[in-house]
């Protein structure tokens, strides 16, 4: 379909139903166009077959990937401060590392201070209790301490009755 009349006929077929005569003319034109395209394809294939076979080098894939890596990349606009801020790109990575290390050191120091405060409070409670206690409270310490180590024998009859 290389002539102007054939193109007009094809466009008319898109808009309305073609008559039998128009349909026959359109099909003949399409056959001619397809035959011409097929002849071009066959001639191209024959020409390609006549070319000598060139061996592909062993590092072909590597060379292609290297060429892709060296290809220029399309320019991208510089992101705005707001978008860099929300993605955390408004400071360089070493600054983020220093901030993270500082936060960890600060948190460790706070944890240590808290533990020292808790220990100081418990020592204060014990020292207060020690000042309130008298020697009379501790005179029966051995007897009370032995109660915690006394074991009672298992009552075999009671155990058997419960089972």
C-alpha atoms as a PDB file:
ATOM      1  CA  UNK A   1       0.000   0.000   0.000  1.00  0.00           C
ATOM      2  CA  UNK A   2       2.427   2.572  -1.262  1.00  0.00           C
ATOM      3  CA  UNK A   3       0.130   4.696  -3.410  1.00  0.00           C
ATOM      4  CA  UNK A   4      -1.958   7.574  -2.131  1.00  0.00           C
ATOM      5  CA  UNK A   5      -5.192   6.005  -3.481  1.00  0.00           C
ATOM      6  CA  UNK A   6      -4.532   2.802  -1.527  1.00  0.00           C
ATOM      7  CA  UNK A   7      -3.946   4.778   1.667  1.00  0.00           C
ATOM      8  CA  UNK A   8      -7.176   6.744   1.155  1.00  0.00           C
ATOM      9  CA  UNK A   9      -9.067   3.506   0.536  1.00  0.00           C
ATOM     10  CA  UNK A  10      -7.647   2.005   3.748  1.00  0.00           C
ATOM     11  CA  UNK A  11      -8.633   5.115   5.769  1.00  0.00           C
ATOM     12  CA  UNK A  12     -12.151   5.006   4.242  1.00  0.00           C
ATOM     13  CA  UNK A  13     -12.389   1.373   5.403  1.00  0.00           C
ATOM     14  CA  UNK A  14     -11.719   2.542   8.930  1.00  0.00           C
ATOM     15  CA  UNK A  15     -14.597   5.015   8.805  1.00  0.00           C
ATOM     16  CA  UNK A  16     -17.260   3.149   6.852  1.00  0.00           C
ATOM     17  CA  UNK A  17     -18.107  -0.192   5.351  1.00  0.00           C
ATOM     18  CA  UNK A  18     -16.422  -0.615   1.962  1.00  0.00           C
ATOM     19  CA  UNK A  19     -18.270  -1.819  -1.105  1.00  0.00           C
ATOM     20  CA  UNK A  20     -17.350  -5.197  -2.608  1.00  0.00           C
ATOM     21  CA  UNK A  21     -15.341  -3.528  -5.372  1.00  0.00           C
ATOM     22  CA  UNK A  22     -13.432  -1.359  -2.852  1.00  0.00           C
ATOM     23  CA  UNK A  23     -12.723  -4.377  -0.665  1.00  0.00           C
ATOM     24  CA  UNK A  24     -11.292  -6.294  -3.646  1.00  0.00           C
ATOM     25  CA  UNK A  25      -9.079  -3.323  -4.614  1.00  0.00           C
ATOM     26  CA  UNK A  26      -7.863  -2.951  -0.997  1.00  0.00           C
ATOM     27  CA  UNK A  27      -7.031  -6.667  -0.693  1.00  0.00           C
ATOM     28  CA  UNK A  28      -5.111  -6.598  -3.983  1.00  0.00           C
ATOM     29  CA  UNK A  29      -3.139  -3.557  -2.790  1.00  0.00           C
ATOM     30  CA  UNK A  30      -2.405  -5.262   0.536  1.00  0.00           C
ATOM     31  CA  UNK A  31      -1.231  -8.409  -1.263  1.00  0.00           C
ATOM     32  CA  UNK A  32       1.099  -6.314  -3.394  1.00  0.00           C
ATOM     33  CA  UNK A  33       2.455  -4.481  -0.313  1.00  0.00           C
ATOM     34  CA  UNK A  34       2.966  -7.715   1.646  1.00  0.00           C
ATOM     35  CA  UNK A  35       4.638  -9.341  -1.356  1.00  0.00           C
ATOM     36  CA  UNK A  36       6.980  -6.323  -1.735  1.00  0.00           C
ATOM     37  CA  UNK A  37       7.860  -6.409   1.997  1.00  0.00           C
ATOM     38  CA  UNK A  38       8.433 -10.176   1.843  1.00  0.00           C
ATOM     39  CA  UNK A  39      10.713  -9.744  -1.207  1.00  0.00           C
ATOM     40  CA  UNK A  40      12.722  -7.108   0.688  1.00  0.00           C
ATOM     41  CA  UNK A  41      13.052  -9.433   3.696  1.00  0.00           C
ATOM     42  CA  UNK A  42      14.202 -12.336   1.510  1.00  0.00           C
ATOM     43  CA  UNK A  43      16.790 -10.150  -0.229  1.00  0.00           C
ATOM     44  CA  UNK A  44      18.084  -8.883   3.123  1.00  0.00           C
ATOM     45  CA  UNK A  45      18.347 -12.443   4.496  1.00  0.00           C
ATOM     46  CA  UNK A  46      20.259 -13.567   1.401  1.00  0.00           C
ATOM     47  CA  UNK A  47      22.670 -10.637   1.718  1.00  0.00           C
ATOM     48  CA  UNK A  48      23.241 -11.436   5.379  1.00  0.00           C
ATOM     49  CA  UNK A  49      23.960 -15.100   4.582  1.00  0.00           C
ATOM     50  CA  UNK A  50      26.632 -14.044   2.076  1.00  0.00           C
ATOM     51  CA  UNK A  51      28.547 -12.101   4.741  1.00  0.00           C
ATOM     52  CA  UNK A  52      31.455 -13.999   6.285  1.00  0.00           C
ATOM     53  CA  UNK A  53      30.883 -15.433   9.772  1.00  0.00           C
ATOM     54  CA  UNK A  54      32.814 -13.340  12.276  1.00  0.00           C
ATOM     55  CA  UNK A  55      33.774 -15.179  15.464  1.00  0.00           C
ATOM     56  CA  UNK A  56      32.620 -13.542  18.668  1.00  0.00           C
ATOM     57  CA  UNK A  57      35.480 -12.823  21.044  1.00  0.00           C
ATOM     58  CA  UNK A  58      35.660 -14.678  24.339  1.00  0.00           C
ATOM     59  CA  UNK A  59      35.310 -11.481  26.352  1.00  0.00           C
ATOM     60  CA  UNK A  60      32.373 -10.120  24.358  1.00  0.00           C
ATOM     61  CA  UNK A  61      30.001  -9.960  27.350  1.00  0.00           C
ATOM     62  CA  UNK A  62      32.628  -8.219  29.463  1.00  0.00           C
ATOM     63  CA  UNK A  63      33.248  -5.632  26.767  1.00  0.00           C
ATOM     64  CA  UNK A  64      29.517  -4.964  26.357  1.00  0.00           C
ATOM     65  CA  UNK A  65      29.023  -4.560  30.109  1.00  0.00           C
ATOM     66  CA  UNK A  66      32.039  -2.252  30.274  1.00  0.00           C
ATOM     67  CA  UNK A  67      30.627  -0.107  27.463  1.00  0.00           C
ATOM     68  CA  UNK A  68      27.294   0.098  29.295  1.00  0.00           C
ATOM     69  CA  UNK A  69      29.039   1.147  32.505  1.00  0.00           C
ATOM     70  CA  UNK A  70      30.968   3.871  30.675  1.00  0.00           C
ATOM     71  CA  UNK A  71      27.922   5.188  28.835  1.00  0.00           C
ATOM     72  CA  UNK A  72      26.919   8.658  29.975  1.00  0.00           C
ATOM     73  CA  UNK A  73      23.983   8.722  32.346  1.00  0.00           C
ATOM     74  CA  UNK A  74      21.129  11.161  31.770  1.00  0.00           C
ATOM     75  CA  UNK A  75      21.267  14.316  33.822  1.00  0.00           C
ATOM     76  CA  UNK A  76      19.024  14.373  36.842  1.00  0.00           C
ATOM     77  CA  UNK A  77      18.025  17.595  38.565  1.00  0.00           C
ATOM     78  CA  UNK A  78      19.512  18.262  41.974  1.00  0.00           C
ATOM     79  CA  UNK A  79      16.974  17.206  44.645  1.00  0.00           C
ATOM     80  CA  UNK A  80      15.554  19.997  46.753  1.00  0.00           C
ATOM     81  CA  UNK A  81      16.589  20.541  50.376  1.00  0.00           C
ATOM     82  CA  UNK A  82      13.194  19.301  51.575  1.00  0.00           C
ATOM     83  CA  UNK A  83      13.459  15.967  49.790  1.00  0.00           C
ATOM     84  CA  UNK A  84      17.085  15.541  50.933  1.00  0.00           C
ATOM     85  CA  UNK A  85      16.034  16.403  54.496  1.00  0.00           C
ATOM     86  CA  UNK A  86      13.324  13.740  54.649  1.00  0.00           C
ATOM     87  CA  UNK A  87      15.623  11.110  53.148  1.00  0.00           C
ATOM     88  CA  UNK A  88      18.439  12.030  55.560  1.00  0.00           C
ATOM     89  CA  UNK A  89      20.776  13.255  52.819  1.00  0.00           C
ATOM     90  CA  UNK A  90      21.174  16.803  54.080  1.00  0.00           C
ATOM     91  CA  UNK A  91      24.315  15.853  56.016  1.00  0.00           C
ATOM     92  CA  UNK A  92      27.279  13.858  54.727  1.00  0.00           C
ATOM     93  CA  UNK A  93      27.587  10.238  55.844  1.00  0.00           C
ATOM     94  CA  UNK A  94      30.588  10.818  58.177  1.00  0.00           C
ATOM     95  CA  UNK A  95      28.549  13.431  60.053  1.00  0.00           C
ATOM     96  CA  UNK A  96      25.740  10.896  60.498  1.00  0.00           C
ATOM     97  CA  UNK A  97      28.295   8.388  61.804  1.00  0.00           C
ATOM     98  CA  UNK A  98      29.614  10.908  64.358  1.00  0.00           C
ATOM     99  CA  UNK A  99      26.066  11.751  65.456  1.00  0.00           C
ATOM    100  CA  UNK A 100      25.234   8.062  65.860  1.00  0.00           C
ATOM    101  CA  UNK A 101      28.381   7.388  67.900  1.00  0.00           C
ATOM    102  CA  UNK A 102      27.631  10.439  70.040  1.00  0.00           C
ATOM    103  CA  UNK A 103      24.079   9.224  70.678  1.00  0.00           C
ATOM    104  CA  UNK A 104      25.356   5.772  71.684  1.00  0.00           C
ATOM    105  CA  UNK A 105      27.964   7.270  74.048  1.00  0.00           C
ATOM    106  CA  UNK A 106      25.345   9.596  75.561  1.00  0.00           C
ATOM    107  CA  UNK A 107      22.899   6.719  76.059  1.00  0.00           C
ATOM    108  CA  UNK A 108      25.619   4.593  77.676  1.00  0.00           C
ATOM    109  CA  UNK A 109      26.533   7.427  80.008  1.00  0.00           C
ATOM    110  CA  UNK A 110      22.888   7.903  80.984  1.00  0.00           C
ATOM    111  CA  UNK A 111      22.536   4.165  81.658  1.00  0.00           C
ATOM    112  CA  UNK A 112      25.657   4.171  83.826  1.00  0.00           C
ATOM    113  CA  UNK A 113      24.472   7.238  85.759  1.00  0.00           C
ATOM    114  CA  UNK A 114      21.077   5.635  86.340  1.00  0.00           C
ATOM    115  CA  UNK A 115      22.692   2.438  87.655  1.00  0.00           C
ATOM    116  CA  UNK A 116      24.902   4.477  90.010  1.00  0.00           C
ATOM    117  CA  UNK A 117      21.840   6.320  91.321  1.00  0.00           C
ATOM    118  CA  UNK A 118      19.992   3.055  91.942  1.00  0.00           C
ATOM    119  CA  UNK A 119      23.027   1.601  93.742  1.00  0.00           C
ATOM    120  CA  UNK A 120      23.397   4.748  95.853  1.00  0.00           C
ATOM    121  CA  UNK A 121      19.698   4.597  96.843  1.00  0.00           C
ATOM    122  CA  UNK A 122      19.959   0.924  97.853  1.00  0.00           C
ATOM    123  CA  UNK A 123      23.117   1.641  99.905  1.00  0.00           C
ATOM    124  CA  UNK A 124      21.305   4.529 101.588  1.00  0.00           C
ATOM    125  CA  UNK A 125      18.354   2.253 102.468  1.00  0.00           C
ATOM    126  CA  UNK A 126      20.676  -0.424 103.894  1.00  0.00           C
ATOM    127  CA  UNK A 127      22.673   2.085 105.895  1.00  0.00           C
ATOM    128  CA  UNK A 128      19.441   3.554 107.255  1.00  0.00           C
ATOM    129  CA  UNK A 129      18.209   0.075 108.205  1.00  0.00           C
ATOM    130  CA  UNK A 130      21.552  -0.739 109.816  1.00  0.00           C
ATOM    131  CA  UNK A 131      21.398   2.405 111.931  1.00  0.00           C
ATOM    132  CA  UNK A 132      17.872   1.567 113.114  1.00  0.00           C
ATOM    133  CA  UNK A 133      18.670  -2.073 113.994  1.00  0.00           C
ATOM    134  CA  UNK A 134      20.098  -2.922 117.373  1.00  0.00           C
ATOM    135  CA  UNK A 135      22.268  -5.774 118.522  1.00  0.00           C
ATOM    136  CA  UNK A 136      19.228  -7.412 120.184  1.00  0.00           C
ATOM    137  CA  UNK A 137      17.671  -8.049 116.765  1.00  0.00           C
ATOM    138  CA  UNK A 138      20.734  -9.948 115.622  1.00  0.00           C
ATOM    139  CA  UNK A 139      21.228 -12.086 118.768  1.00  0.00           C
ATOM    140  CA  UNK A 140      18.861 -14.815 117.449  1.00  0.00           C
ATOM    141  CA  UNK A 141      20.302 -14.708 113.939  1.00  0.00           C
ATOM    142  CA  UNK A 142      21.784 -18.233 114.056  1.00  0.00           C
ATOM    143  CA  UNK A 143      18.475 -19.846 115.060  1.00  0.00           C
ATOM    144  CA  UNK A 144      16.534 -17.967 112.380  1.00  0.00           C
ATOM    145  CA  UNK A 145      19.157 -18.796 109.771  1.00  0.00           C
ATOM    146  CA  UNK A 146      18.970 -22.547 110.622  1.00  0.00           C
ATOM    147  CA  UNK A 147      15.180 -22.531 109.969  1.00  0.00           C
ATOM    148  CA  UNK A 148      15.788 -21.724 106.319  1.00  0.00           C
ATOM    149  CA  UNK A 149      18.060 -24.777 105.946  1.00  0.00           C
ATOM    150  CA  UNK A 150      15.814 -27.310 107.679  1.00  0.00           C
ATOM    151  CA  UNK A 151      14.201 -29.833 105.352  1.00  0.00           C
ATOM    152  CA  UNK A 152      11.141 -31.797 106.293  1.00  0.00           C
ATOM    153  CA  UNK A 153      10.952 -35.448 105.378  1.00  0.00           C
ATOM    154  CA  UNK A 154       8.372 -36.396 102.786  1.00  0.00           C
ATOM    155  CA  UNK A 155       5.340 -38.084 104.316  1.00  0.00           C
ATOM    156  CA  UNK A 156       5.164 -41.193 102.161  1.00  0.00           C
ATOM    157  CA  UNK A 157       1.730 -42.284 103.464  1.00  0.00           C
ATOM    158  CA  UNK A 158       0.182 -38.883 102.760  1.00  0.00           C
ATOM    159  CA  UNK A 159       1.778 -38.762  99.312  1.00  0.00           C
ATOM    160  CA  UNK A 160       0.455 -42.226  98.473  1.00  0.00           C
ATOM    161  CA  UNK A 161      -3.027 -41.329  99.737  1.00  0.00           C
ATOM    162  CA  UNK A 162      -3.152 -38.179  97.602  1.00  0.00           C
ATOM    163  CA  UNK A 163      -2.121 -40.040  94.462  1.00  0.00           C
END
